[in-house]
């Protein structure tokens, strides 16, 4: 029996599914992953347009149906494996999948790893989660970090009645598209963003005083006052990139204040979660 965290709401609207796959520009040169393939409705549609579909399904009963459905198929590779524990393709790949909602963050983290060869992903996710990645209505730490390497946007919102069982939440199609960006600065950028989002200053300008030069602050303060950027969440994703370009030339005196901050933040967060689970 599959772990409940991998359970899904299966999509049934073939007409709309076919339309969305066409809009995704998946073509006969593409390797496409279907994570949480279920009974294979999405896998089957993807196989009509792509070079190869790699379909992951952990539930043994569903996997048996997949084997029967795709027996003799020449471009569908089935994997009865936990996607989170598998290696991603070394070649460029795409994803189109109705993923288990409960492990959305784990899947997004895996496929957007700095060494990932992901080109584009279309994921069925809870609307609330999607907006957090997109940074709507306000910027979030995770959206700001991902924006350095990826463009994220909501493509469409689904009708709940097209799923079985019917979900209790709104579901959208989240598009994750790789940017043509130099990866070499990403680690420092991630530290830079995490540092800004996790300072306890009432006004974000007070945080900037610690990591920018006096000359830089004259221009930055003018921008944040003009646009009323009071908190990190008020600052648009693209302006973080502008700030980072100024910051990264400041030398070790400033860079050392943020270097490693992302890893430090993860450790602190992990400790808090461990304490919470123990108390519960």
C-alpha atoms as a PDB file:
ATOM      1  CA  UNK A   1       0.000   0.000   0.000  1.00  0.00           C
ATOM      2  CA  UNK A   2       1.330   3.419  -0.915  1.00  0.00           C
ATOM      3  CA  UNK A   3       2.249   5.945   1.794  1.00  0.00           C
ATOM      4  CA  UNK A   4      -0.586   8.464   2.243  1.00  0.00           C
ATOM      5  CA  UNK A   5       1.766  11.352   1.478  1.00  0.00           C
ATOM      6  CA  UNK A   6       2.034  10.032  -2.098  1.00  0.00           C
ATOM      7  CA  UNK A   7      -1.737   9.768  -2.616  1.00  0.00           C
ATOM      8  CA  UNK A   8      -3.219  11.787  -5.473  1.00  0.00           C
ATOM      9  CA  UNK A   9      -6.308  13.266  -7.063  1.00  0.00           C
ATOM     10  CA  UNK A  10      -6.253  11.822 -10.591  1.00  0.00           C
ATOM     11  CA  UNK A  11      -7.082  14.116 -13.517  1.00  0.00           C
ATOM     12  CA  UNK A  12      -9.832  12.921 -15.888  1.00  0.00           C
ATOM     13  CA  UNK A  13     -10.390  15.674 -18.490  1.00  0.00           C
ATOM     14  CA  UNK A  14      -8.582  14.266 -21.558  1.00  0.00           C
ATOM     15  CA  UNK A  15      -9.676  17.094 -23.862  1.00  0.00           C
ATOM     16  CA  UNK A  16      -8.212  19.810 -21.676  1.00  0.00           C
ATOM     17  CA  UNK A  17      -5.146  17.698 -20.944  1.00  0.00           C
ATOM     18  CA  UNK A  18      -4.395  17.331 -24.646  1.00  0.00           C
ATOM     19  CA  UNK A  19      -4.809  21.090 -25.113  1.00  0.00           C
ATOM     20  CA  UNK A  20      -2.386  21.871 -22.278  1.00  0.00           C
ATOM     21  CA  UNK A  21       0.270  19.456 -23.519  1.00  0.00           C
ATOM     22  CA  UNK A  22       0.110  21.106 -26.941  1.00  0.00           C
ATOM     23  CA  UNK A  23       0.512  24.528 -25.337  1.00  0.00           C
ATOM     24  CA  UNK A  24       3.571  23.276 -23.452  1.00  0.00           C
ATOM     25  CA  UNK A  25       5.554  22.880 -26.705  1.00  0.00           C
ATOM     26  CA  UNK A  26       6.628  19.356 -25.769  1.00  0.00           C
ATOM     27  CA  UNK A  27       7.947  17.811 -28.974  1.00  0.00           C
ATOM     28  CA  UNK A  28       9.404  14.666 -30.502  1.00  0.00           C
ATOM     29  CA  UNK A  29      12.923  15.538 -29.298  1.00  0.00           C
ATOM     30  CA  UNK A  30      11.979  15.727 -25.624  1.00  0.00           C
ATOM     31  CA  UNK A  31      12.475  13.369 -22.708  1.00  0.00           C
ATOM     32  CA  UNK A  32       9.480  14.004 -20.424  1.00  0.00           C
ATOM     33  CA  UNK A  33       8.953  12.818 -16.859  1.00  0.00           C
ATOM     34  CA  UNK A  34       5.522  11.988 -15.437  1.00  0.00           C
ATOM     35  CA  UNK A  35       5.772  11.891 -11.643  1.00  0.00           C
ATOM     36  CA  UNK A  36       2.899  10.061  -9.989  1.00  0.00           C
ATOM     37  CA  UNK A  37       1.620   8.517 -13.213  1.00  0.00           C
ATOM     38  CA  UNK A  38      -1.365   6.787 -11.603  1.00  0.00           C
ATOM     39  CA  UNK A  39      -3.266   4.804 -14.240  1.00  0.00           C
ATOM     40  CA  UNK A  40      -1.409   6.492 -17.097  1.00  0.00           C
ATOM     41  CA  UNK A  41      -3.803   9.049 -18.590  1.00  0.00           C
ATOM     42  CA  UNK A  42      -1.145  11.792 -18.665  1.00  0.00           C
ATOM     43  CA  UNK A  43       1.603   9.340 -19.632  1.00  0.00           C
ATOM     44  CA  UNK A  44      -0.423   8.163 -22.620  1.00  0.00           C
ATOM     45  CA  UNK A  45      -1.000  11.703 -23.900  1.00  0.00           C
ATOM     46  CA  UNK A  46       2.658  12.644 -23.420  1.00  0.00           C
ATOM     47  CA  UNK A  47       3.785   9.585 -25.385  1.00  0.00           C
ATOM     48  CA  UNK A  48       1.997  10.939 -28.471  1.00  0.00           C
ATOM     49  CA  UNK A  49       4.187  14.038 -28.589  1.00  0.00           C
ATOM     50  CA  UNK A  50       7.553  13.247 -26.986  1.00  0.00           C
ATOM     51  CA  UNK A  51      10.601  11.150 -27.745  1.00  0.00           C
ATOM     52  CA  UNK A  52      10.422   9.282 -24.439  1.00  0.00           C
ATOM     53  CA  UNK A  53       8.237   9.377 -21.341  1.00  0.00           C
ATOM     54  CA  UNK A  54       9.658   8.202 -18.030  1.00  0.00           C
ATOM     55  CA  UNK A  55       6.701   7.490 -15.763  1.00  0.00           C
ATOM     56  CA  UNK A  56       7.171   7.108 -12.004  1.00  0.00           C
ATOM     57  CA  UNK A  57       4.510   5.384  -9.904  1.00  0.00           C
ATOM     58  CA  UNK A  58       5.099   4.037  -6.410  1.00  0.00           C
ATOM     59  CA  UNK A  59       1.733   2.379  -5.811  1.00  0.00           C
ATOM     60  CA  UNK A  60       2.069  -1.263  -6.903  1.00  0.00           C
ATOM     61  CA  UNK A  61      -1.582  -1.601  -7.908  1.00  0.00           C
ATOM     62  CA  UNK A  62      -1.408   1.443 -10.157  1.00  0.00           C
ATOM     63  CA  UNK A  63       1.939   0.308 -11.501  1.00  0.00           C
ATOM     64  CA  UNK A  64       0.490  -3.045 -12.526  1.00  0.00           C
ATOM     65  CA  UNK A  65      -2.191  -1.195 -14.530  1.00  0.00           C
ATOM     66  CA  UNK A  66       0.524   0.901 -16.148  1.00  0.00           C
ATOM     67  CA  UNK A  67       2.405  -2.235 -17.196  1.00  0.00           C
ATOM     68  CA  UNK A  68      -0.748  -3.625 -18.803  1.00  0.00           C
ATOM     69  CA  UNK A  69      -1.584  -0.325 -20.486  1.00  0.00           C
ATOM     70  CA  UNK A  70       1.861   0.261 -21.993  1.00  0.00           C
ATOM     71  CA  UNK A  71       2.845  -3.290 -22.811  1.00  0.00           C
ATOM     72  CA  UNK A  72       4.739  -3.143 -26.083  1.00  0.00           C
ATOM     73  CA  UNK A  73       5.142   0.646 -26.006  1.00  0.00           C
ATOM     74  CA  UNK A  74       8.423   1.798 -27.546  1.00  0.00           C
ATOM     75  CA  UNK A  75       8.725   5.222 -25.915  1.00  0.00           C
ATOM     76  CA  UNK A  76       7.374   4.754 -22.380  1.00  0.00           C
ATOM     77  CA  UNK A  77       9.708   3.710 -19.561  1.00  0.00           C
ATOM     78  CA  UNK A  78       7.923   2.724 -16.347  1.00  0.00           C
ATOM     79  CA  UNK A  79       9.550   2.999 -12.927  1.00  0.00           C
ATOM     80  CA  UNK A  80       7.979   1.559  -9.782  1.00  0.00           C
ATOM     81  CA  UNK A  81      10.190   3.805  -7.649  1.00  0.00           C
ATOM     82  CA  UNK A  82      10.056   6.713  -5.241  1.00  0.00           C
ATOM     83  CA  UNK A  83      10.846   9.693  -7.463  1.00  0.00           C
ATOM     84  CA  UNK A  84      12.496  11.546  -4.585  1.00  0.00           C
ATOM     85  CA  UNK A  85      15.106   8.787  -4.294  1.00  0.00           C
ATOM     86  CA  UNK A  86      15.919   8.400  -7.987  1.00  0.00           C
ATOM     87  CA  UNK A  87      18.560  10.080 -10.124  1.00  0.00           C
ATOM     88  CA  UNK A  88      17.369  12.663 -12.611  1.00  0.00           C
ATOM     89  CA  UNK A  89      18.284  12.250 -16.290  1.00  0.00           C
ATOM     90  CA  UNK A  90      21.738  13.533 -17.219  1.00  0.00           C
ATOM     91  CA  UNK A  91      20.374  14.854 -20.519  1.00  0.00           C
ATOM     92  CA  UNK A  92      18.008  17.802 -20.779  1.00  0.00           C
ATOM     93  CA  UNK A  93      14.480  16.846 -19.758  1.00  0.00           C
ATOM     94  CA  UNK A  94      11.007  18.258 -19.194  1.00  0.00           C
ATOM     95  CA  UNK A  95       8.234  17.358 -16.762  1.00  0.00           C
ATOM     96  CA  UNK A  96       4.476  17.307 -17.159  1.00  0.00           C
ATOM     97  CA  UNK A  97       2.866  15.754 -14.126  1.00  0.00           C
ATOM     98  CA  UNK A  98      -0.002  15.725 -11.662  1.00  0.00           C
ATOM     99  CA  UNK A  99       2.241  15.305  -8.648  1.00  0.00           C
ATOM    100  CA  UNK A 100       1.218  14.305  -5.094  1.00  0.00           C
ATOM    101  CA  UNK A 101       0.404  17.654  -3.482  1.00  0.00           C
ATOM    102  CA  UNK A 102       1.887  16.738  -0.102  1.00  0.00           C
ATOM    103  CA  UNK A 103       5.426  16.456  -1.490  1.00  0.00           C
ATOM    104  CA  UNK A 104       5.313  19.448  -3.828  1.00  0.00           C
ATOM    105  CA  UNK A 105       8.173  21.283  -2.119  1.00  0.00           C
ATOM    106  CA  UNK A 106      10.385  18.161  -2.140  1.00  0.00           C
ATOM    107  CA  UNK A 107       9.782  17.605  -5.850  1.00  0.00           C
ATOM    108  CA  UNK A 108      10.370  21.248  -6.794  1.00  0.00           C
ATOM    109  CA  UNK A 109      13.544  21.309  -4.728  1.00  0.00           C
ATOM    110  CA  UNK A 110      14.827  18.146  -6.422  1.00  0.00           C
ATOM    111  CA  UNK A 111      14.131  19.146 -10.029  1.00  0.00           C
ATOM    112  CA  UNK A 112      15.523  22.691  -9.579  1.00  0.00           C
ATOM    113  CA  UNK A 113      18.747  21.599  -7.915  1.00  0.00           C
ATOM    114  CA  UNK A 114      21.710  23.566  -9.248  1.00  0.00           C
ATOM    115  CA  UNK A 115      22.988  20.493 -11.131  1.00  0.00           C
ATOM    116  CA  UNK A 116      19.587  19.618 -12.626  1.00  0.00           C
ATOM    117  CA  UNK A 117      19.241  19.547 -16.419  1.00  0.00           C
ATOM    118  CA  UNK A 118      15.559  20.500 -16.246  1.00  0.00           C
ATOM    119  CA  UNK A 119      14.438  22.700 -19.129  1.00  0.00           C
ATOM    120  CA  UNK A 120      10.787  23.144 -18.262  1.00  0.00           C
ATOM    121  CA  UNK A 121       8.207  21.682 -15.894  1.00  0.00           C
ATOM    122  CA  UNK A 122       4.421  21.797 -15.823  1.00  0.00           C
ATOM    123  CA  UNK A 123       3.136  20.681 -12.437  1.00  0.00           C
ATOM    124  CA  UNK A 124      -0.389  20.248 -11.088  1.00  0.00           C
ATOM    125  CA  UNK A 125      -0.134  21.849  -7.629  1.00  0.00           C
ATOM    126  CA  UNK A 126      -2.298  23.465  -4.990  1.00  0.00           C
ATOM    127  CA  UNK A 127      -2.953  27.084  -5.856  1.00  0.00           C
ATOM    128  CA  UNK A 128      -1.661  28.256  -2.479  1.00  0.00           C
ATOM    129  CA  UNK A 129       1.679  26.538  -3.073  1.00  0.00           C
ATOM    130  CA  UNK A 130       1.959  27.857  -6.619  1.00  0.00           C
ATOM    131  CA  UNK A 131       1.482  31.473  -5.521  1.00  0.00           C
ATOM    132  CA  UNK A 132       4.226  31.033  -2.952  1.00  0.00           C
ATOM    133  CA  UNK A 133       6.642  29.969  -5.714  1.00  0.00           C
ATOM    134  CA  UNK A 134       5.500  32.724  -8.052  1.00  0.00           C
ATOM    135  CA  UNK A 135       5.698  35.407  -5.361  1.00  0.00           C
ATOM    136  CA  UNK A 136       2.088  36.599  -5.483  1.00  0.00           C
ATOM    137  CA  UNK A 137       0.685  38.755  -3.931  1.00  0.00           C
ATOM    138  CA  UNK A 138       4.032  39.489  -2.258  1.00  0.00           C
ATOM    139  CA  UNK A 139       7.552  38.234  -2.773  1.00  0.00           C
ATOM    140  CA  UNK A 140       8.495  35.194  -0.715  1.00  0.00           C
ATOM    141  CA  UNK A 141      11.943  33.951   0.156  1.00  0.00           C
ATOM    142  CA  UNK A 142      11.530  30.804  -1.929  1.00  0.00           C
ATOM    143  CA  UNK A 143      10.180  32.675  -4.969  1.00  0.00           C
ATOM    144  CA  UNK A 144      13.013  35.196  -4.773  1.00  0.00           C
ATOM    145  CA  UNK A 145      15.661  32.461  -4.609  1.00  0.00           C
ATOM    146  CA  UNK A 146      14.217  30.435  -7.486  1.00  0.00           C
ATOM    147  CA  UNK A 147      13.781  33.535  -9.653  1.00  0.00           C
ATOM    148  CA  UNK A 148      17.543  33.669 -10.206  1.00  0.00           C
ATOM    149  CA  UNK A 149      17.504  30.467 -12.283  1.00  0.00           C
ATOM    150  CA  UNK A 150      13.852  29.947 -13.205  1.00  0.00           C
ATOM    151  CA  UNK A 151      10.794  31.795 -14.388  1.00  0.00           C
ATOM    152  CA  UNK A 152       7.679  30.555 -12.582  1.00  0.00           C
ATOM    153  CA  UNK A 153       4.110  31.342 -13.515  1.00  0.00           C
ATOM    154  CA  UNK A 154       0.590  29.939 -13.190  1.00  0.00           C
ATOM    155  CA  UNK A 155      -0.683  28.793 -16.590  1.00  0.00           C
ATOM    156  CA  UNK A 156      -4.280  27.882 -15.743  1.00  0.00           C
ATOM    157  CA  UNK A 157      -6.624  26.929 -12.928  1.00  0.00           C
ATOM    158  CA  UNK A 158      -8.372  23.557 -13.089  1.00  0.00           C
ATOM    159  CA  UNK A 159     -11.957  22.635 -12.362  1.00  0.00           C
ATOM    160  CA  UNK A 160     -12.073  20.584  -9.187  1.00  0.00           C
ATOM    161  CA  UNK A 161     -14.714  18.313 -10.735  1.00  0.00           C
ATOM    162  CA  UNK A 162     -12.167  17.095 -13.316  1.00  0.00           C
ATOM    163  CA  UNK A 163     -10.316  15.204 -10.569  1.00  0.00           C
ATOM    164  CA  UNK A 164     -11.135  11.941  -8.851  1.00  0.00           C
ATOM    165  CA  UNK A 165     -11.452  12.075  -5.931  1.00  0.00           C
ATOM    166  CA  UNK A 166     -12.495  15.744  -6.039  1.00  0.00           C
ATOM    167  CA  UNK A 167      -9.853  17.805  -4.180  1.00  0.00           C
ATOM    168  CA  UNK A 168     -10.792  20.108  -1.304  1.00  0.00           C
ATOM    169  CA  UNK A 169      -8.385  22.783  -2.585  1.00  0.00           C
ATOM    170  CA  UNK A 170      -7.962  24.798  -5.793  1.00  0.00           C
ATOM    171  CA  UNK A 171      -5.484  23.259  -8.250  1.00  0.00           C
ATOM    172  CA  UNK A 172      -3.421  25.104 -10.870  1.00  0.00           C
ATOM    173  CA  UNK A 173      -0.816  24.300 -13.499  1.00  0.00           C
ATOM    174  CA  UNK A 174       2.527  25.772 -12.451  1.00  0.00           C
ATOM    175  CA  UNK A 175       5.104  26.345 -15.179  1.00  0.00           C
ATOM    176  CA  UNK A 176       8.796  26.329 -14.215  1.00  0.00           C
ATOM    177  CA  UNK A 177      11.049  27.426 -17.067  1.00  0.00           C
ATOM    178  CA  UNK A 178      14.843  27.600 -16.889  1.00  0.00           C
ATOM    179  CA  UNK A 179      16.374  31.006 -17.558  1.00  0.00           C
ATOM    180  CA  UNK A 180      19.509  31.557 -19.604  1.00  0.00           C
ATOM    181  CA  UNK A 181      21.459  32.524 -16.478  1.00  0.00           C
ATOM    182  CA  UNK A 182      25.008  31.982 -15.330  1.00  0.00           C
ATOM    183  CA  UNK A 183      24.810  29.570 -12.387  1.00  0.00           C
ATOM    184  CA  UNK A 184      28.136  30.581 -10.838  1.00  0.00           C
ATOM    185  CA  UNK A 185      26.622  33.350  -8.693  1.00  0.00           C
ATOM    186  CA  UNK A 186      23.591  31.370  -7.537  1.00  0.00           C
ATOM    187  CA  UNK A 187      25.000  30.087  -4.228  1.00  0.00           C
ATOM    188  CA  UNK A 188      25.979  33.598  -3.121  1.00  0.00           C
ATOM    189  CA  UNK A 189      22.659  35.008  -4.355  1.00  0.00           C
ATOM    190  CA  UNK A 190      20.773  32.388  -2.313  1.00  0.00           C
ATOM    191  CA  UNK A 191      22.755  33.363   0.799  1.00  0.00           C
ATOM    192  CA  UNK A 192      22.142  37.043   0.061  1.00  0.00           C
ATOM    193  CA  UNK A 193      18.354  36.618  -0.217  1.00  0.00           C
ATOM    194  CA  UNK A 194      18.108  34.362   2.845  1.00  0.00           C
ATOM    195  CA  UNK A 195      20.068  36.881   4.903  1.00  0.00           C
ATOM    196  CA  UNK A 196      17.735  39.735   3.923  1.00  0.00           C
ATOM    197  CA  UNK A 197      14.549  37.776   4.620  1.00  0.00           C
ATOM    198  CA  UNK A 198      15.677  36.592   8.058  1.00  0.00           C
ATOM    199  CA  UNK A 199      16.885  39.762   9.753  1.00  0.00           C
ATOM    200  CA  UNK A 200      14.695  41.095  12.555  1.00  0.00           C
ATOM    201  CA  UNK A 201      14.745  44.701  11.447  1.00  0.00           C
ATOM    202  CA  UNK A 202      11.430  46.543  11.241  1.00  0.00           C
ATOM    203  CA  UNK A 203      12.570  48.345   8.098  1.00  0.00           C
ATOM    204  CA  UNK A 204      14.444  46.530   5.311  1.00  0.00           C
ATOM    205  CA  UNK A 205      16.654  49.596   4.844  1.00  0.00           C
ATOM    206  CA  UNK A 206      18.255  48.852   8.220  1.00  0.00           C
ATOM    207  CA  UNK A 207      19.300  45.435   6.911  1.00  0.00           C
ATOM    208  CA  UNK A 208      20.818  47.008   3.798  1.00  0.00           C
ATOM    209  CA  UNK A 209      23.031  49.209   5.989  1.00  0.00           C
ATOM    210  CA  UNK A 210      24.924  46.065   7.011  1.00  0.00           C
ATOM    211  CA  UNK A 211      25.713  44.789   3.500  1.00  0.00           C
ATOM    212  CA  UNK A 212      25.985  47.821   1.208  1.00  0.00           C
ATOM    213  CA  UNK A 213      28.435  50.710   1.050  1.00  0.00           C
ATOM    214  CA  UNK A 214      27.462  54.244   2.005  1.00  0.00           C
ATOM    215  CA  UNK A 215      27.588  55.313  -1.640  1.00  0.00           C
ATOM    216  CA  UNK A 216      25.345  52.425  -2.729  1.00  0.00           C
ATOM    217  CA  UNK A 217      22.851  53.126   0.054  1.00  0.00           C
ATOM    218  CA  UNK A 218      22.191  56.636  -1.249  1.00  0.00           C
ATOM    219  CA  UNK A 219      20.706  55.179  -4.433  1.00  0.00           C
ATOM    220  CA  UNK A 220      19.089  52.139  -2.810  1.00  0.00           C
ATOM    221  CA  UNK A 221      17.360  54.185  -0.102  1.00  0.00           C
ATOM    222  CA  UNK A 222      15.971  56.490  -2.748  1.00  0.00           C
ATOM    223  CA  UNK A 223      14.474  53.489  -4.569  1.00  0.00           C
ATOM    224  CA  UNK A 224      12.972  51.830  -1.507  1.00  0.00           C
ATOM    225  CA  UNK A 225      11.468  55.085  -0.195  1.00  0.00           C
ATOM    226  CA  UNK A 226      10.040  56.029  -3.593  1.00  0.00           C
ATOM    227  CA  UNK A 227       8.449  52.592  -3.985  1.00  0.00           C
ATOM    228  CA  UNK A 228       7.554  52.161  -0.310  1.00  0.00           C
ATOM    229  CA  UNK A 229       9.576  48.968   0.122  1.00  0.00           C
ATOM    230  CA  UNK A 230       9.291  48.564   3.884  1.00  0.00           C
ATOM    231  CA  UNK A 231       9.789  44.799   4.197  1.00  0.00           C
ATOM    232  CA  UNK A 232      11.621  42.127   2.167  1.00  0.00           C
ATOM    233  CA  UNK A 233       8.240  40.893   0.883  1.00  0.00           C
ATOM    234  CA  UNK A 234       7.538  44.328  -0.636  1.00  0.00           C
ATOM    235  CA  UNK A 235      10.537  44.152  -2.972  1.00  0.00           C
ATOM    236  CA  UNK A 236       9.831  42.752  -6.475  1.00  0.00           C
ATOM    237  CA  UNK A 237      11.801  39.701  -7.602  1.00  0.00           C
ATOM    238  CA  UNK A 238      13.630  41.555 -10.371  1.00  0.00           C
ATOM    239  CA  UNK A 239      14.816  44.301  -8.005  1.00  0.00           C
ATOM    240  CA  UNK A 240      16.514  41.662  -5.842  1.00  0.00           C
ATOM    241  CA  UNK A 241      18.625  40.820  -8.893  1.00  0.00           C
ATOM    242  CA  UNK A 242      19.532  44.501  -9.259  1.00  0.00           C
ATOM    243  CA  UNK A 243      20.491  44.684  -5.586  1.00  0.00           C
ATOM    244  CA  UNK A 244      22.587  41.537  -5.861  1.00  0.00           C
ATOM    245  CA  UNK A 245      24.579  42.911  -8.804  1.00  0.00           C
ATOM    246  CA  UNK A 246      25.549  45.852  -6.591  1.00  0.00           C
ATOM    247  CA  UNK A 247      26.249  43.679  -3.571  1.00  0.00           C
ATOM    248  CA  UNK A 248      28.499  41.031  -5.145  1.00  0.00           C
ATOM    249  CA  UNK A 249      31.257  43.562  -5.977  1.00  0.00           C
ATOM    250  CA  UNK A 250      31.527  44.827  -2.395  1.00  0.00           C
ATOM    251  CA  UNK A 251      34.380  42.577  -1.283  1.00  0.00           C
ATOM    252  CA  UNK A 252      34.829  40.070   1.537  1.00  0.00           C
ATOM    253  CA  UNK A 253      34.012  42.542   4.321  1.00  0.00           C
ATOM    254  CA  UNK A 254      30.397  42.560   3.181  1.00  0.00           C
ATOM    255  CA  UNK A 255      30.149  39.188   1.448  1.00  0.00           C
ATOM    256  CA  UNK A 256      31.330  37.286   4.532  1.00  0.00           C
ATOM    257  CA  UNK A 257      28.259  38.566   6.416  1.00  0.00           C
ATOM    258  CA  UNK A 258      25.936  36.563   4.169  1.00  0.00           C
ATOM    259  CA  UNK A 259      28.139  33.706   2.957  1.00  0.00           C
ATOM    260  CA  UNK A 260      26.751  30.353   4.121  1.00  0.00           C
ATOM    261  CA  UNK A 261      23.595  31.943   5.492  1.00  0.00           C
ATOM    262  CA  UNK A 262      21.258  29.671   3.524  1.00  0.00           C
ATOM    263  CA  UNK A 263      22.798  26.505   4.999  1.00  0.00           C
ATOM    264  CA  UNK A 264      22.748  28.061   8.447  1.00  0.00           C
ATOM    265  CA  UNK A 265      19.073  28.920   8.038  1.00  0.00           C
ATOM    266  CA  UNK A 266      18.215  25.359   6.945  1.00  0.00           C
ATOM    267  CA  UNK A 267      19.955  23.892  10.003  1.00  0.00           C
ATOM    268  CA  UNK A 268      18.101  26.247  12.339  1.00  0.00           C
ATOM    269  CA  UNK A 269      14.798  25.457  10.656  1.00  0.00           C
ATOM    270  CA  UNK A 270      15.495  21.722  10.908  1.00  0.00           C
ATOM    271  CA  UNK A 271      16.253  22.033  14.627  1.00  0.00           C
ATOM    272  CA  UNK A 272      13.010  23.930  15.236  1.00  0.00           C
ATOM    273  CA  UNK A 273      11.037  21.248  13.378  1.00  0.00           C
ATOM    274  CA  UNK A 274      12.721  18.510  15.425  1.00  0.00           C
ATOM    275  CA  UNK A 275      11.866  20.272  18.702  1.00  0.00           C
ATOM    276  CA  UNK A 276       8.267  20.747  17.562  1.00  0.00           C
ATOM    277  CA  UNK A 277       7.871  17.064  16.651  1.00  0.00           C
ATOM    278  CA  UNK A 278       9.355  16.026  20.012  1.00  0.00           C
ATOM    279  CA  UNK A 279       6.953  18.230  21.941  1.00  0.00           C
ATOM    280  CA  UNK A 280       3.977  16.999  19.951  1.00  0.00           C
END
